[in-house]
Protein backbone atom coordinates (compact mmCIF):
# COMPACT_ATOMS: atom_id res chain seq x y z
CA GLN A 1 0.00 0.00 0.00
CA VAL A 2 1.07 3.54 -0.78
CA GLN A 3 -0.19 6.47 1.26
CA LEU A 4 -0.22 9.93 -0.29
CA VAL A 5 -0.54 13.23 1.54
CA GLU A 6 -1.14 16.43 -0.42
CA SER A 7 -0.68 20.01 0.67
CA GLY A 8 -0.61 23.48 -0.79
CA GLY A 9 -4.15 24.06 -1.98
CA GLY A 10 -6.10 27.21 -1.22
CA LEU A 11 -7.72 30.33 -2.61
CA VAL A 12 -5.90 32.34 -5.24
CA GLN A 13 -6.88 35.16 -7.54
CA PRO A 14 -6.95 34.68 -11.31
CA GLY A 15 -3.45 35.08 -12.65
CA GLY A 16 -1.92 33.98 -9.37
CA SER A 17 0.24 30.99 -8.49
CA LEU A 18 0.09 28.01 -6.18
CA ARG A 19 2.40 25.11 -5.53
CA LEU A 20 0.98 21.73 -4.64
CA SER A 21 3.05 19.07 -2.92
CA CYS A 22 2.54 15.38 -2.35
CA ALA A 23 4.57 12.97 -0.23
CA ALA A 24 4.33 9.21 -0.60
CA SER A 25 4.94 6.65 2.10
CA GLY A 26 4.51 2.91 2.51
CA ARG A 27 5.47 0.54 -0.28
CA ILE A 28 7.04 3.23 -2.43
CA SER A 29 10.24 1.71 -3.72
CA SER A 30 8.84 0.66 -7.08
CA ILE A 31 6.76 3.72 -7.90
CA SER A 32 7.28 4.44 -11.59
CA THR A 33 4.76 7.20 -12.25
CA MET A 34 3.57 10.18 -10.24
CA ALA A 35 0.88 12.54 -11.41
CA TRP A 36 -1.70 15.15 -10.56
CA TYR A 37 -5.35 14.87 -11.50
CA ARG A 38 -8.19 17.26 -10.85
CA GLN A 39 -11.94 17.11 -10.60
CA ALA A 40 -14.06 20.21 -11.01
CA PRO A 41 -17.64 20.36 -9.74
CA GLY A 42 -19.94 18.36 -11.98
CA LYS A 43 -17.08 17.04 -14.09
CA GLU A 44 -15.08 13.86 -14.30
CA ARG A 45 -11.60 13.54 -12.88
CA GLU A 46 -8.97 14.39 -15.48
CA PRO A 47 -5.19 14.15 -15.67
CA VAL A 48 -3.30 17.41 -15.33
CA ALA A 49 0.37 16.43 -15.40
CA ILE A 50 2.39 13.23 -15.26
CA VAL A 51 6.04 12.48 -14.55
CA THR A 52 7.77 9.12 -14.86
CA SER A 53 10.84 7.74 -13.15
CA GLY A 54 12.56 8.03 -16.53
CA GLY A 55 12.09 11.77 -16.45
CA ASN A 56 9.32 12.04 -19.02
CA THR A 57 6.57 14.57 -18.42
CA ASN A 58 3.22 15.13 -20.04
CA TYR A 59 0.64 17.85 -19.56
CA ALA A 60 -2.98 18.46 -20.36
CA ASP A 61 -3.28 20.92 -23.22
CA SER A 62 -5.18 23.30 -20.97
CA VAL A 63 -2.21 23.76 -18.62
CA LYS A 64 0.78 23.55 -20.95
CA GLY A 65 3.13 26.47 -20.48
CA ARG A 66 1.59 27.40 -17.13
CA PHE A 67 1.99 24.33 -14.91
CA THR A 68 5.19 22.43 -14.13
CA ILE A 69 5.38 19.01 -12.53
CA SER A 70 8.50 17.84 -10.74
CA GLY A 71 9.01 14.43 -9.23
CA ASP A 72 11.71 13.18 -6.91
CA PHE A 73 11.86 9.39 -7.21
CA ALA A 74 14.44 9.14 -4.44
CA LYS A 75 12.31 10.96 -1.89
CA TYR A 76 9.00 10.03 -3.55
CA THR A 77 7.63 13.51 -3.59
CA VAL A 78 5.88 15.27 -6.42
CA HIS A 79 5.12 18.94 -6.84
CA LEU A 80 2.90 20.91 -9.17
CA GLN A 81 3.78 24.55 -9.73
CA MET A 82 0.72 26.31 -11.09
CA ASN A 83 1.16 29.76 -12.60
CA SER A 84 -1.26 32.08 -14.36
CA LEU A 85 -4.17 30.27 -12.80
CA LYS A 86 -7.56 30.63 -14.42
CA ARG A 87 -11.04 30.37 -12.88
CA GLU A 88 -11.55 27.08 -14.67
CA GLY A 89 -8.67 25.72 -12.64
CA THR A 90 -10.96 25.56 -9.62
CA ALA A 91 -11.10 21.90 -8.64
CA VAL A 92 -10.01 19.30 -6.15
CA TYR A 93 -6.50 18.24 -7.10
CA TYR A 94 -5.44 14.67 -6.44
CA CYS A 95 -1.99 13.15 -6.21
CA TYR A 96 -1.60 9.82 -7.98
CA THR A 97 1.08 7.16 -8.12
CA ARG A 98 1.43 3.93 -10.01
CA ARG A 99 3.80 1.06 -9.43
CA PRO A 100 4.23 -2.29 -11.10
CA SER A 101 3.42 -5.38 -9.07
CA GLY A 102 4.03 -8.60 -10.89
CA SER A 103 2.04 -8.44 -14.11
CA ALA A 104 -0.23 -5.70 -12.78
CA CYS A 105 0.04 -2.00 -12.01
CA LEU A 106 -1.20 -0.70 -8.68
CA SER A 107 -2.60 2.81 -8.41
CA SER A 108 -2.87 4.99 -5.32
CA TRP A 109 -4.70 8.26 -4.75
CA GLY A 110 -4.36 11.04 -2.23
CA GLN A 111 -7.32 12.53 -0.41
CA GLY A 112 -7.34 15.64 -2.57
CA THR A 113 -6.66 19.29 -1.95
CA GLN A 114 -9.03 22.10 -2.94
CA VAL A 115 -7.83 24.82 -5.28
CA THR A 116 -10.16 27.76 -5.77
CA VAL A 117 -9.39 30.45 -8.32
CA SER A 118 -11.56 33.45 -7.64
CA SER A 119 -11.39 37.19 -7.19
């Protein structure tokens, strides 16, 4: 089992910045992917940014150029720097990890942290 604890959410004005952090504990030694997802009210959860242990990153088109994900696969922490936030960025943001286990991949989710973009 992997436990994930997020921090850094809050209220920010449009155009502002926030930095989300997530720390993993438990059976973390084989984590290969760390990511951030978000779920806005009335919408499905969607991927925001992903980083792999090989250093590859991928972003949702809606956040490219504004958000930066960084993952430390030695400390098993992942951060999401969010700049130029827009009102549509209001959502609960979830930390996510994936690790191989035999022939399967095991996913873990954090409890979520609220980000509200409003003036």
